[in-house]
Amino acid sequence: MKFSFEVGNKEKSHIDFYRNWFTGRVEVAVNGEMCTLVDPMEIRTHFSIKKTEGLRFTVGDQEQHEVLIEKKRPLIFPGLRRQKYAIFVDGSLVEEYEGF
């Protein structure tokens, strides 16, 4: 799964989200600077009973914004079905995506 969005009014931050469907690795690039949010070496990456998981991080130097990427997975065969992603910036829903 791969998608991009921008955050901020005065100070824009371009965010690229990457998730490898096979390994479960999740990476985010903020203005080109890459950061790993979920490592495939962690056991929770592969085994979880939660239907909804959230990844939180802050962007911006002068104008800071809290970003939450919420992933909802299906109950049956979650690794083989499309997952839904909701993007929240400062608590407000900005965009939604669906994919692997």
C-alpha atoms as a PDB file:
ATOM      1  CA  MET A   1       0.000   0.000   0.000  1.00  0.00           C
ATOM      2  CA  LYS A   2       1.311   3.407  -0.900  1.00  0.00           C
ATOM      3  CA  PHE A   3      -0.279   6.833  -0.636  1.00  0.00           C
ATOM      4  CA  SER A   4       0.724  10.475  -0.143  1.00  0.00           C
ATOM      5  CA  PHE A   5      -0.812  13.540   1.456  1.00  0.00           C
ATOM      6  CA  GLU A   6       0.142  17.012   2.675  1.00  0.00           C
ATOM      7  CA  VAL A   7      -0.238  18.547   6.111  1.00  0.00           C
ATOM      8  CA  GLY A   8      -0.125  22.186   7.189  1.00  0.00           C
ATOM      9  CA  ASN A   9      -1.116  25.611   5.935  1.00  0.00           C
ATOM     10  CA  LYS A  10       1.878  27.904   6.373  1.00  0.00           C
ATOM     11  CA  GLU A  11       4.491  25.173   6.709  1.00  0.00           C
ATOM     12  CA  LYS A  12       3.640  22.293   4.333  1.00  0.00           C
ATOM     13  CA  SER A  13       4.816  18.765   5.104  1.00  0.00           C
ATOM     14  CA  HIS A  14       4.614  16.157   2.334  1.00  0.00           C
ATOM     15  CA  ILE A  15       4.022  12.664   3.743  1.00  0.00           C
ATOM     16  CA  ASP A  16       4.501   9.407   1.820  1.00  0.00           C
ATOM     17  CA  PHE A  17       3.146   6.229   3.468  1.00  0.00           C
ATOM     18  CA  TYR A  18       4.476   2.791   2.493  1.00  0.00           C
ATOM     19  CA  ARG A  19       3.320  -0.622   3.764  1.00  0.00           C
ATOM     20  CA  ASN A  20       4.762  -3.874   2.462  1.00  0.00           C
ATOM     21  CA  TRP A  21       1.880  -6.363   2.385  1.00  0.00           C
ATOM     22  CA  PHE A  22       4.219  -9.359   2.578  1.00  0.00           C
ATOM     23  CA  THR A  23       6.516  -8.376   5.472  1.00  0.00           C
ATOM     24  CA  GLY A  24       4.253  -5.902   7.280  1.00  0.00           C
ATOM     25  CA  ARG A  25       6.927  -3.167   7.364  1.00  0.00           C
ATOM     26  CA  VAL A  26       5.444   0.320   7.581  1.00  0.00           C
ATOM     27  CA  GLU A  27       7.533   3.348   6.640  1.00  0.00           C
ATOM     28  CA  VAL A  28       6.684   7.026   6.440  1.00  0.00           C
ATOM     29  CA  ALA A  29       8.695   9.646   4.577  1.00  0.00           C
ATOM     30  CA  VAL A  30       8.162  13.201   5.830  1.00  0.00           C
ATOM     31  CA  ASN A  31       9.585  15.658   3.304  1.00  0.00           C
ATOM     32  CA  GLY A  32      11.819  12.881   1.978  1.00  0.00           C
ATOM     33  CA  GLU A  33      13.146  11.787   5.387  1.00  0.00           C
ATOM     34  CA  MET A  34      12.318   8.086   5.922  1.00  0.00           C
ATOM     35  CA  CYS A  35      11.216   6.642   9.269  1.00  0.00           C
ATOM     36  CA  THR A  36      10.182   3.036  10.057  1.00  0.00           C
ATOM     37  CA  LEU A  37       7.002   2.871  12.160  1.00  0.00           C
ATOM     38  CA  VAL A  38       6.454  -0.919  12.168  1.00  0.00           C
ATOM     39  CA  ASP A  39       9.369  -3.346  11.919  1.00  0.00           C
ATOM     40  CA  PRO A  40       8.727  -6.871  10.559  1.00  0.00           C
ATOM     41  CA  MET A  41      11.024  -8.274  13.275  1.00  0.00           C
ATOM     42  CA  GLU A  42       8.438  -7.350  15.963  1.00  0.00           C
ATOM     43  CA  ILE A  43       6.014 -10.174  16.775  1.00  0.00           C
ATOM     44  CA  ARG A  44       2.989  -7.802  16.885  1.00  0.00           C
ATOM     45  CA  THR A  45       3.520  -7.113  13.187  1.00  0.00           C
ATOM     46  CA  HIS A  46       2.388 -10.627  12.283  1.00  0.00           C
ATOM     47  CA  PHE A  47       0.094 -11.670  15.138  1.00  0.00           C
ATOM     48  CA  SER A  48      -2.554  -9.328  16.453  1.00  0.00           C
ATOM     49  CA  ILE A  49      -6.166  -9.739  17.509  1.00  0.00           C
ATOM     50  CA  LYS A  50      -6.911  -6.015  17.170  1.00  0.00           C
ATOM     51  CA  LYS A  51      -9.119  -5.011  14.259  1.00  0.00           C
ATOM     52  CA  THR A  52      -7.978  -1.382  14.461  1.00  0.00           C
ATOM     53  CA  GLU A  53      -4.448  -0.097  14.939  1.00  0.00           C
ATOM     54  CA  GLY A  54      -3.194   3.462  14.964  1.00  0.00           C
ATOM     55  CA  LEU A  55       0.186   4.942  14.093  1.00  0.00           C
ATOM     56  CA  ARG A  56       0.807   8.408  15.574  1.00  0.00           C
ATOM     57  CA  PHE A  57       3.545  10.882  14.766  1.00  0.00           C
ATOM     58  CA  THR A  58       4.112  14.640  14.738  1.00  0.00           C
ATOM     59  CA  VAL A  59       5.212  16.697  11.735  1.00  0.00           C
ATOM     60  CA  GLY A  60       6.370  20.280  11.325  1.00  0.00           C
ATOM     61  CA  ASP A  61       8.985  22.448  12.989  1.00  0.00           C
ATOM     62  CA  GLN A  62       7.225  25.755  13.607  1.00  0.00           C
ATOM     63  CA  GLU A  63       3.654  24.653  12.944  1.00  0.00           C
ATOM     64  CA  GLN A  64       3.326  21.189  14.522  1.00  0.00           C
ATOM     65  CA  HIS A  65       0.519  18.786  13.620  1.00  0.00           C
ATOM     66  CA  GLU A  66      -0.336  15.407  15.082  1.00  0.00           C
ATOM     67  CA  VAL A  67      -0.976  12.786  12.395  1.00  0.00           C
ATOM     68  CA  LEU A  68      -2.818   9.532  13.087  1.00  0.00           C
ATOM     69  CA  ILE A  69      -2.960   6.802  10.439  1.00  0.00           C
ATOM     70  CA  GLU A  70      -5.611   4.332  11.516  1.00  0.00           C
ATOM     71  CA  LYS A  71      -5.669   0.891   9.891  1.00  0.00           C
ATOM     72  CA  LYS A  72      -8.800  -1.273  10.025  1.00  0.00           C
ATOM     73  CA  ARG A  73      -8.405  -4.880   9.006  1.00  0.00           C
ATOM     74  CA  PRO A  74     -11.110  -7.423   8.166  1.00  0.00           C
ATOM     75  CA  LEU A  75     -11.925 -10.072  10.755  1.00  0.00           C
ATOM     76  CA  ILE A  76     -11.622 -13.128   8.468  1.00  0.00           C
ATOM     77  CA  PHE A  77      -8.345 -13.762   6.569  1.00  0.00           C
ATOM     78  CA  PRO A  78      -7.017 -10.230   7.229  1.00  0.00           C
ATOM     79  CA  GLY A  79      -3.680 -10.836   5.491  1.00  0.00           C
ATOM     80  CA  LEU A  80      -5.394 -11.797   2.245  1.00  0.00           C
ATOM     81  CA  ARG A  81      -7.975  -9.001   2.079  1.00  0.00           C
ATOM     82  CA  ARG A  82      -7.933  -5.255   1.524  1.00  0.00           C
ATOM     83  CA  GLN A  83      -7.433  -3.041   4.573  1.00  0.00           C
ATOM     84  CA  LYS A  84      -8.864   0.427   5.193  1.00  0.00           C
ATOM     85  CA  TYR A  85      -6.734   3.401   6.195  1.00  0.00           C
ATOM     86  CA  ALA A  86      -8.064   6.648   7.666  1.00  0.00           C
ATOM     87  CA  ILE A  87      -5.835   9.735   7.958  1.00  0.00           C
ATOM     88  CA  PHE A  88      -6.499  12.117  10.853  1.00  0.00           C
ATOM     89  CA  VAL A  89      -4.657  15.423  11.254  1.00  0.00           C
ATOM     90  CA  ASP A  90      -5.110  17.149  14.617  1.00  0.00           C
ATOM     91  CA  GLY A  91      -8.133  14.925  15.283  1.00  0.00           C
ATOM     92  CA  SER A  92      -9.968  15.661  12.016  1.00  0.00           C
ATOM     93  CA  LEU A  93     -10.483  13.060   9.284  1.00  0.00           C
ATOM     94  CA  VAL A  94      -8.608  14.189   6.158  1.00  0.00           C
ATOM     95  CA  GLU A  95      -8.589  11.216   3.759  1.00  0.00           C
ATOM     96  CA  GLU A  96      -9.395   7.503   3.498  1.00  0.00           C
ATOM     97  CA  TYR A  97      -7.685   4.793   1.453  1.00  0.00           C
ATOM     98  CA  GLU A  98      -8.228   1.077   0.869  1.00  0.00           C
ATOM     99  CA  GLY A  99      -5.746  -1.533  -0.308  1.00  0.00           C
ATOM    100  CA  PHE A 100      -3.085  -4.076   0.626  1.00  0.00           C
END
